[in-house]
Amino acid sequence: MTKQSVDALINGGQASAAPPLGPALGPLGVNIGLVIAEINKKTASFKGMQVPVKVTVDTSTKEFLVSVGTPPASALLLKEAGIEKGSGKPHTDKVADILIEQIIKVAKMKEDNLLGKDLKAKVKEVIGTANSLGILVEGKPAKEVINLVDQGMFDTEIKSEKTELSAEELKRLQEEKKRLQEDVERRKAEEQKKATDIVESMKGKEKSAIKAKLHEAGISEELIKKLLPADTGATEVKGKAVKK
């Protein structure tokens, strides 16, 4: 009995015979259509997330076994928060708020992959991941929530492994997410106006001086690059482009 394995990262419920799965499974002689159908069945609940899968094939009988891992903790948190991506400035721009029950849920789903010795320690790890995405927990930044966990504030929920939320709680989280995202958009608009005003007021001056002024005003590097794109490496001389 000879067994070979194929590992891949696929979109939940959307595996296909295209790369990476098709070309890897083809040489093993297994029915690719059946494998794909089984993968999509087992990963349907992870729609919209990247999921690690492992297909083990008995090359003599062509029987196969599909093992599904769990998406990264970051992907699970994004799903819990109802957002597609985290914040570009997680320390200042918060894009969503979730409750401790949702943190516990993710900690339990990733239990085997986290380093903490118990669920409480693993909960703190997940809170740290939420922080890197710009997601608040219980309306507070990670450092404060981790301190509350250490103080035993959420011991009841953690010990009971509570993961369910009421309809009222879900509604409140949706409203808070909307408010946070409106705040982010407002700050972006204010930053854009501030940066544009600086560029306009310094028109004709050296780009290095304008950049320095933008940095001094706390304008993000991303916006500075947008307003002051890098030189193309060529200058115009008598109508012809000449490399510098």
C-alpha atoms as a PDB file:
ATOM      1  CA  MET A   1       0.000   0.000   0.000  1.00  0.00           C
ATOM      2  CA  THR A   2       1.499   3.299  -1.175  1.00  0.00           C
ATOM      3  CA  LYS A   3       0.072   6.596  -0.010  1.00  0.00           C
ATOM      4  CA  GLN A   4       0.845  10.059  -1.262  1.00  0.00           C
ATOM      5  CA  SER A   5      -0.417  13.388   0.023  1.00  0.00           C
ATOM      6  CA  VAL A   6      -1.224  16.704  -1.574  1.00  0.00           C
ATOM      7  CA  ASP A   7      -1.429  19.854   0.542  1.00  0.00           C
ATOM      8  CA  ALA A   8      -3.057  23.034  -0.673  1.00  0.00           C
ATOM      9  CA  LEU A   9      -4.631  26.272   0.494  1.00  0.00           C
ATOM     10  CA  ILE A  10      -8.035  26.838  -1.137  1.00  0.00           C
ATOM     11  CA  ASN A  11     -10.965  29.216  -0.872  1.00  0.00           C
ATOM     12  CA  GLY A  12     -13.607  27.581   1.306  1.00  0.00           C
ATOM     13  CA  GLY A  13     -16.241  25.829  -0.797  1.00  0.00           C
ATOM     14  CA  GLN A  14     -14.601  26.949  -4.035  1.00  0.00           C
ATOM     15  CA  ALA A  15     -11.964  24.331  -4.838  1.00  0.00           C
ATOM     16  CA  SER A  16     -11.560  23.453  -8.516  1.00  0.00           C
ATOM     17  CA  ALA A  17      -9.475  21.255 -10.790  1.00  0.00           C
ATOM     18  CA  ALA A  18      -7.344  24.260 -11.649  1.00  0.00           C
ATOM     19  CA  PRO A  19      -3.952  24.706  -9.942  1.00  0.00           C
ATOM     20  CA  PRO A  20      -2.876  23.945  -7.323  1.00  0.00           C
ATOM     21  CA  LEU A  21      -5.102  20.870  -6.868  1.00  0.00           C
ATOM     22  CA  GLY A  22      -5.695  19.544 -10.395  1.00  0.00           C
ATOM     23  CA  PRO A  23      -2.077  19.244 -11.555  1.00  0.00           C
ATOM     24  CA  ALA A  24      -1.007  17.764  -8.205  1.00  0.00           C
ATOM     25  CA  LEU A  25      -3.801  15.155  -8.085  1.00  0.00           C
ATOM     26  CA  GLY A  26      -3.659  14.170 -11.761  1.00  0.00           C
ATOM     27  CA  PRO A  27      -0.522  11.963 -11.580  1.00  0.00           C
ATOM     28  CA  LEU A  28      -2.012  10.027  -8.646  1.00  0.00           C
ATOM     29  CA  GLY A  29      -4.798   8.598 -10.815  1.00  0.00           C
ATOM     30  CA  VAL A  30      -7.573   9.608  -8.432  1.00  0.00           C
ATOM     31  CA  ASN A  31     -10.993  10.846  -9.563  1.00  0.00           C
ATOM     32  CA  ILE A  32     -10.345  14.585  -9.355  1.00  0.00           C
ATOM     33  CA  GLY A  33     -14.038  15.488  -9.631  1.00  0.00           C
ATOM     34  CA  LEU A  34     -14.905  13.400  -6.573  1.00  0.00           C
ATOM     35  CA  VAL A  35     -12.022  14.866  -4.592  1.00  0.00           C
ATOM     36  CA  ILE A  36     -13.033  18.433  -5.449  1.00  0.00           C
ATOM     37  CA  ALA A  37     -16.648  17.729  -4.495  1.00  0.00           C
ATOM     38  CA  GLU A  38     -15.580  16.300  -1.138  1.00  0.00           C
ATOM     39  CA  ILE A  39     -13.300  19.274  -0.418  1.00  0.00           C
ATOM     40  CA  ASN A  40     -16.045  21.767  -1.223  1.00  0.00           C
ATOM     41  CA  LYS A  41     -18.509  19.870   0.955  1.00  0.00           C
ATOM     42  CA  LYS A  42     -16.133  19.887   3.914  1.00  0.00           C
ATOM     43  CA  THR A  43     -15.081  23.529   3.515  1.00  0.00           C
ATOM     44  CA  ALA A  44     -18.481  25.064   2.702  1.00  0.00           C
ATOM     45  CA  SER A  45     -18.750  26.635   6.159  1.00  0.00           C
ATOM     46  CA  PHE A  46     -15.477  28.515   5.562  1.00  0.00           C
ATOM     47  CA  LYS A  47     -16.745  30.406   2.501  1.00  0.00           C
ATOM     48  CA  GLY A  48     -14.716  33.528   1.856  1.00  0.00           C
ATOM     49  CA  MET A  49     -11.690  32.241   3.780  1.00  0.00           C
ATOM     50  CA  GLN A  50      -8.475  30.463   2.859  1.00  0.00           C
ATOM     51  CA  VAL A  51      -8.539  26.906   4.193  1.00  0.00           C
ATOM     52  CA  PRO A  52      -5.652  24.403   4.348  1.00  0.00           C
ATOM     53  CA  VAL A  53      -6.607  20.961   3.001  1.00  0.00           C
ATOM     54  CA  LYS A  54      -4.728  17.708   2.744  1.00  0.00           C
ATOM     55  CA  VAL A  55      -5.687  14.943   0.296  1.00  0.00           C
ATOM     56  CA  THR A  56      -4.168  11.528   1.066  1.00  0.00           C
ATOM     57  CA  VAL A  57      -4.402   9.064  -1.827  1.00  0.00           C
ATOM     58  CA  ASP A  58      -3.854   5.296  -1.801  1.00  0.00           C
ATOM     59  CA  THR A  59      -2.219   4.989  -5.230  1.00  0.00           C
ATOM     60  CA  SER A  60      -2.979   1.268  -5.487  1.00  0.00           C
ATOM     61  CA  THR A  61      -6.721   1.460  -4.755  1.00  0.00           C
ATOM     62  CA  LYS A  62      -7.234   5.141  -5.738  1.00  0.00           C
ATOM     63  CA  GLU A  63      -9.143   5.681  -2.487  1.00  0.00           C
ATOM     64  CA  PHE A  64      -8.650   9.092  -0.916  1.00  0.00           C
ATOM     65  CA  LEU A  65      -9.127  10.916   2.368  1.00  0.00           C
ATOM     66  CA  VAL A  66      -9.681  14.682   2.647  1.00  0.00           C
ATOM     67  CA  SER A  67      -8.495  16.367   5.838  1.00  0.00           C
ATOM     68  CA  VAL A  68      -9.434  19.990   6.416  1.00  0.00           C
ATOM     69  CA  GLY A  69      -7.525  22.329   8.690  1.00  0.00           C
ATOM     70  CA  THR A  70      -8.843  25.605  10.001  1.00  0.00           C
ATOM     71  CA  PRO A  71      -8.192  29.000   8.412  1.00  0.00           C
ATOM     72  CA  PRO A  72      -5.686  31.317  10.131  1.00  0.00           C
ATOM     73  CA  ALA A  73      -6.936  33.005  13.298  1.00  0.00           C
ATOM     74  CA  SER A  74      -6.882  36.317  11.430  1.00  0.00           C
ATOM     75  CA  ALA A  75      -9.329  35.006   8.810  1.00  0.00           C
ATOM     76  CA  LEU A  76     -11.644  33.637  11.502  1.00  0.00           C
ATOM     77  CA  LEU A  77     -11.593  36.982  13.310  1.00  0.00           C
ATOM     78  CA  LEU A  78     -12.425  38.860  10.117  1.00  0.00           C
ATOM     79  CA  LYS A  79     -15.399  36.559   9.613  1.00  0.00           C
ATOM     80  CA  GLU A  80     -16.567  37.078  13.197  1.00  0.00           C
ATOM     81  CA  ALA A  81     -16.234  40.843  12.747  1.00  0.00           C
ATOM     82  CA  GLY A  82     -18.065  40.761   9.416  1.00  0.00           C
ATOM     83  CA  ILE A  83     -15.314  42.551   7.504  1.00  0.00           C
ATOM     84  CA  GLU A  84     -13.224  41.587   4.476  1.00  0.00           C
ATOM     85  CA  LYS A  85      -9.889  42.953   5.630  1.00  0.00           C
ATOM     86  CA  GLY A  86      -8.233  44.455   8.653  1.00  0.00           C
ATOM     87  CA  SER A  87      -7.214  48.039   9.234  1.00  0.00           C
ATOM     88  CA  GLY A  88      -4.357  49.596   7.306  1.00  0.00           C
ATOM     89  CA  LYS A  89      -3.482  51.477  10.512  1.00  0.00           C
ATOM     90  CA  PRO A  90      -4.466  49.052  13.283  1.00  0.00           C
ATOM     91  CA  HIS A  91      -3.076  51.208  16.092  1.00  0.00           C
ATOM     92  CA  THR A  92      -5.188  54.236  15.206  1.00  0.00           C
ATOM     93  CA  ASP A  93      -7.993  53.124  12.877  1.00  0.00           C
ATOM     94  CA  LYS A  94     -10.302  50.548  14.444  1.00  0.00           C
ATOM     95  CA  VAL A  95     -12.614  48.891  11.928  1.00  0.00           C
ATOM     96  CA  ALA A  96     -14.803  46.617  14.060  1.00  0.00           C
ATOM     97  CA  ASP A  97     -15.652  45.498  17.579  1.00  0.00           C
ATOM     98  CA  ILE A  98     -16.267  41.931  18.756  1.00  0.00           C
ATOM     99  CA  LEU A  99     -17.153  40.348  22.082  1.00  0.00           C
ATOM    100  CA  ILE A 100     -15.185  37.968  24.288  1.00  0.00           C
ATOM    101  CA  GLU A 101     -17.471  35.110  23.228  1.00  0.00           C
ATOM    102  CA  GLN A 102     -16.245  35.491  19.652  1.00  0.00           C
ATOM    103  CA  ILE A 103     -12.638  35.503  20.830  1.00  0.00           C
ATOM    104  CA  ILE A 104     -13.305  32.273  22.760  1.00  0.00           C
ATOM    105  CA  LYS A 105     -14.905  30.759  19.653  1.00  0.00           C
ATOM    106  CA  VAL A 106     -11.822  31.457  17.548  1.00  0.00           C
ATOM    107  CA  ALA A 107      -9.493  30.266  20.324  1.00  0.00           C
ATOM    108  CA  LYS A 108     -11.368  26.956  20.455  1.00  0.00           C
ATOM    109  CA  MET A 109     -11.303  26.561  16.665  1.00  0.00           C
ATOM    110  CA  LYS A 110      -7.536  27.171  16.630  1.00  0.00           C
ATOM    111  CA  GLU A 111      -6.910  25.307  19.885  1.00  0.00           C
ATOM    112  CA  ASP A 112      -4.325  22.908  18.451  1.00  0.00           C
ATOM    113  CA  ASN A 113      -2.354  25.662  16.737  1.00  0.00           C
ATOM    114  CA  LEU A 114      -2.025  28.130  19.612  1.00  0.00           C
ATOM    115  CA  LEU A 115       0.835  28.100  22.097  1.00  0.00           C
ATOM    116  CA  GLY A 116      -1.078  28.868  25.303  1.00  0.00           C
ATOM    117  CA  LYS A 117      -1.165  26.155  27.952  1.00  0.00           C
ATOM    118  CA  ASP A 118      -4.884  26.617  28.589  1.00  0.00           C
ATOM    119  CA  LEU A 119      -7.900  28.287  27.013  1.00  0.00           C
ATOM    120  CA  LYS A 120      -7.364  31.500  28.966  1.00  0.00           C
ATOM    121  CA  ALA A 121      -3.846  31.883  27.568  1.00  0.00           C
ATOM    122  CA  LYS A 122      -5.069  31.056  24.078  1.00  0.00           C
ATOM    123  CA  VAL A 123      -7.800  33.671  24.376  1.00  0.00           C
ATOM    124  CA  LYS A 124      -5.087  36.270  25.048  1.00  0.00           C
ATOM    125  CA  GLU A 125      -3.211  35.157  21.927  1.00  0.00           C
ATOM    126  CA  VAL A 126      -6.316  35.643  19.797  1.00  0.00           C
ATOM    127  CA  ILE A 127      -6.921  39.067  21.338  1.00  0.00           C
ATOM    128  CA  GLY A 128      -3.409  40.012  20.215  1.00  0.00           C
ATOM    129  CA  THR A 129      -4.250  38.933  16.661  1.00  0.00           C
ATOM    130  CA  ALA A 130      -7.438  41.000  16.785  1.00  0.00           C
ATOM    131  CA  ASN A 131      -5.339  44.000  17.764  1.00  0.00           C
ATOM    132  CA  SER A 132      -3.107  43.585  14.689  1.00  0.00           C
ATOM    133  CA  LEU A 133      -6.227  43.740  12.513  1.00  0.00           C
ATOM    134  CA  GLY A 134      -7.592  46.896  14.117  1.00  0.00           C
ATOM    135  CA  ILE A 135     -10.446  45.017  15.810  1.00  0.00           C
ATOM    136  CA  LEU A 136     -11.559  46.071  19.277  1.00  0.00           C
ATOM    137  CA  VAL A 137     -12.723  43.533  21.860  1.00  0.00           C
ATOM    138  CA  GLU A 138     -15.573  44.547  24.148  1.00  0.00           C
ATOM    139  CA  GLY A 139     -15.078  48.088  22.857  1.00  0.00           C
ATOM    140  CA  LYS A 140     -11.481  48.246  24.116  1.00  0.00           C
ATOM    141  CA  PRO A 141      -7.975  47.878  22.604  1.00  0.00           C
ATOM    142  CA  ALA A 142      -6.071  44.626  23.113  1.00  0.00           C
ATOM    143  CA  LYS A 143      -3.810  45.744  25.958  1.00  0.00           C
ATOM    144  CA  GLU A 144      -6.765  46.743  28.129  1.00  0.00           C
ATOM    145  CA  VAL A 145      -8.716  43.567  27.383  1.00  0.00           C
ATOM    146  CA  ILE A 146      -5.718  41.327  28.108  1.00  0.00           C
ATOM    147  CA  ASN A 147      -5.367  43.067  31.480  1.00  0.00           C
ATOM    148  CA  LEU A 148      -9.060  42.393  32.155  1.00  0.00           C
ATOM    149  CA  VAL A 149      -8.571  38.726  31.242  1.00  0.00           C
ATOM    150  CA  ASP A 150      -5.639  38.535  33.674  1.00  0.00           C
ATOM    151  CA  GLN A 151      -7.813  40.131  36.359  1.00  0.00           C
ATOM    152  CA  GLY A 152     -10.422  37.404  35.891  1.00  0.00           C
ATOM    153  CA  MET A 153     -13.067  39.657  34.324  1.00  0.00           C
ATOM    154  CA  PHE A 154     -14.016  36.993  31.755  1.00  0.00           C
ATOM    155  CA  ASP A 155     -13.347  33.835  33.778  1.00  0.00           C
ATOM    156  CA  THR A 156     -17.013  32.807  33.732  1.00  0.00           C
ATOM    157  CA  GLU A 157     -17.245  32.990  29.938  1.00  0.00           C
ATOM    158  CA  ILE A 158     -13.899  31.261  29.429  1.00  0.00           C
ATOM    159  CA  LYS A 159     -14.581  28.431  31.880  1.00  0.00           C
ATOM    160  CA  SER A 160     -18.004  27.785  30.381  1.00  0.00           C
ATOM    161  CA  GLU A 161     -16.526  28.157  26.859  1.00  0.00           C
ATOM    162  CA  LYS A 162     -19.363  30.502  25.964  1.00  0.00           C
ATOM    163  CA  THR A 163     -19.416  31.297  22.237  1.00  0.00           C
ATOM    164  CA  GLU A 164     -23.012  32.225  21.416  1.00  0.00           C
ATOM    165  CA  LEU A 165     -24.286  35.778  21.002  1.00  0.00           C
ATOM    166  CA  SER A 166     -27.838  37.064  21.278  1.00  0.00           C
ATOM    167  CA  ALA A 167     -29.593  38.803  18.385  1.00  0.00           C
ATOM    168  CA  GLU A 168     -29.425  42.031  20.362  1.00  0.00           C
ATOM    169  CA  GLU A 169     -25.649  41.720  20.813  1.00  0.00           C
ATOM    170  CA  LEU A 170     -25.144  41.014  17.114  1.00  0.00           C
ATOM    171  CA  LYS A 171     -27.226  44.057  16.192  1.00  0.00           C
ATOM    172  CA  ARG A 172     -25.215  46.259  18.544  1.00  0.00           C
ATOM    173  CA  LEU A 173     -21.944  45.015  17.044  1.00  0.00           C
ATOM    174  CA  GLN A 174     -23.169  45.816  13.546  1.00  0.00           C
ATOM    175  CA  GLU A 175     -24.039  49.357  14.618  1.00  0.00           C
ATOM    176  CA  GLU A 176     -20.660  49.782  16.296  1.00  0.00           C
ATOM    177  CA  LYS A 177     -18.845  48.483  13.212  1.00  0.00           C
ATOM    178  CA  LYS A 178     -20.681  51.028  11.068  1.00  0.00           C
ATOM    179  CA  ARG A 179     -19.765  53.839  13.465  1.00  0.00           C
ATOM    180  CA  LEU A 180     -16.095  52.817  13.572  1.00  0.00           C
ATOM    181  CA  GLN A 181     -15.828  52.597   9.808  1.00  0.00           C
ATOM    182  CA  GLU A 182     -17.478  56.007   9.423  1.00  0.00           C
ATOM    183  CA  ASP A 183     -14.866  57.386  11.836  1.00  0.00           C
ATOM    184  CA  VAL A 184     -12.086  55.879   9.721  1.00  0.00           C
ATOM    185  CA  GLU A 185     -13.506  57.413   6.541  1.00  0.00           C
ATOM    186  CA  ARG A 186     -13.863  60.789   8.250  1.00  0.00           C
ATOM    187  CA  ARG A 187     -10.235  60.717   9.409  1.00  0.00           C
ATOM    188  CA  LYS A 188      -9.084  59.699   5.928  1.00  0.00           C
ATOM    189  CA  ALA A 189     -10.959  62.630   4.390  1.00  0.00           C
ATOM    190  CA  GLU A 190      -9.470  65.024   6.944  1.00  0.00           C
ATOM    191  CA  GLU A 191      -5.964  63.704   6.286  1.00  0.00           C
ATOM    192  CA  GLN A 192      -6.481  63.965   2.523  1.00  0.00           C
ATOM    193  CA  LYS A 193      -7.578  67.597   2.816  1.00  0.00           C
ATOM    194  CA  LYS A 194      -4.717  68.473   5.161  1.00  0.00           C
ATOM    195  CA  ALA A 195      -2.158  66.877   2.843  1.00  0.00           C
ATOM    196  CA  THR A 196      -3.631  68.462  -0.286  1.00  0.00           C
ATOM    197  CA  ASP A 197      -3.595  71.893   1.353  1.00  0.00           C
ATOM    198  CA  ILE A 198       0.091  71.477   2.239  1.00  0.00           C
ATOM    199  CA  VAL A 199       1.022  70.410  -1.286  1.00  0.00           C
ATOM    200  CA  GLU A 200      -0.921  73.313  -2.795  1.00  0.00           C
ATOM    201  CA  SER A 201       0.634  75.857  -0.412  1.00  0.00           C
ATOM    202  CA  MET A 202       4.140  74.639  -1.310  1.00  0.00           C
ATOM    203  CA  LYS A 203       3.645  74.452  -5.060  1.00  0.00           C
ATOM    204  CA  GLY A 204       6.899  75.115  -6.895  1.00  0.00           C
ATOM    205  CA  LYS A 205       9.116  74.083  -3.980  1.00  0.00           C
ATOM    206  CA  GLU A 206      11.451  71.092  -3.876  1.00  0.00           C
ATOM    207  CA  LYS A 207       9.713  67.749  -3.531  1.00  0.00           C
ATOM    208  CA  SER A 208      11.986  66.870  -0.597  1.00  0.00           C
ATOM    209  CA  ALA A 209      10.796  69.956   1.277  1.00  0.00           C
ATOM    210  CA  ILE A 210       7.146  69.125   0.593  1.00  0.00           C
ATOM    211  CA  LYS A 211       7.680  65.555   1.781  1.00  0.00           C
ATOM    212  CA  ALA A 212       9.352  66.784   4.955  1.00  0.00           C
ATOM    213  CA  LYS A 213       6.398  69.079   5.651  1.00  0.00           C
ATOM    214  CA  LEU A 214       3.918  66.233   5.054  1.00  0.00           C
ATOM    215  CA  HIS A 215       5.851  63.955   7.398  1.00  0.00           C
ATOM    216  CA  GLU A 216       5.961  66.712   9.995  1.00  0.00           C
ATOM    217  CA  ALA A 217       2.162  67.006   9.722  1.00  0.00           C
ATOM    218  CA  GLY A 218       1.746  63.274  10.391  1.00  0.00           C
ATOM    219  CA  ILE A 219       0.573  62.366   6.893  1.00  0.00           C
ATOM    220  CA  SER A 220       0.785  58.644   6.138  1.00  0.00           C
ATOM    221  CA  GLU A 221       3.513  57.376   3.819  1.00  0.00           C
ATOM    222  CA  GLU A 222       0.870  55.800   1.599  1.00  0.00           C
ATOM    223  CA  LEU A 223      -0.849  59.139   0.988  1.00  0.00           C
ATOM    224  CA  ILE A 224       2.462  60.943   0.488  1.00  0.00           C
ATOM    225  CA  LYS A 225       3.404  58.472  -2.260  1.00  0.00           C
ATOM    226  CA  LYS A 226       0.010  59.009  -3.852  1.00  0.00           C
ATOM    227  CA  LEU A 227       0.321  62.793  -3.846  1.00  0.00           C
ATOM    228  CA  LEU A 228       4.015  62.865  -4.725  1.00  0.00           C
ATOM    229  CA  PRO A 229       4.703  59.863  -6.978  1.00  0.00           C
ATOM    230  CA  ALA A 230       8.303  58.782  -7.440  1.00  0.00           C
ATOM    231  CA  ASP A 231      10.244  60.159 -10.397  1.00  0.00           C
ATOM    232  CA  THR A 232      10.043  58.010 -13.522  1.00  0.00           C
ATOM    233  CA  GLY A 233      13.780  58.130 -14.054  1.00  0.00           C
ATOM    234  CA  ALA A 234      13.578  60.287 -17.187  1.00  0.00           C
ATOM    235  CA  THR A 235      13.490  64.001 -17.963  1.00  0.00           C
ATOM    236  CA  GLU A 236      12.189  65.828 -21.022  1.00  0.00           C
ATOM    237  CA  VAL A 237      14.848  67.500 -23.188  1.00  0.00           C
ATOM    238  CA  LYS A 238      13.700  69.172 -26.417  1.00  0.00           C
ATOM    239  CA  GLY A 239      10.655  66.916 -26.563  1.00  0.00           C
ATOM    240  CA  LYS A 240      12.605  63.689 -26.104  1.00  0.00           C
ATOM    241  CA  ALA A 241      12.718  61.481 -23.012  1.00  0.00           C
ATOM    242  CA  VAL A 242      16.285  61.127 -21.790  1.00  0.00           C
ATOM    243  CA  LYS A 243      17.284  58.735 -19.048  1.00  0.00           C
ATOM    244  CA  LYS A 244      18.826  60.312 -16.000  1.00  0.00           C
END
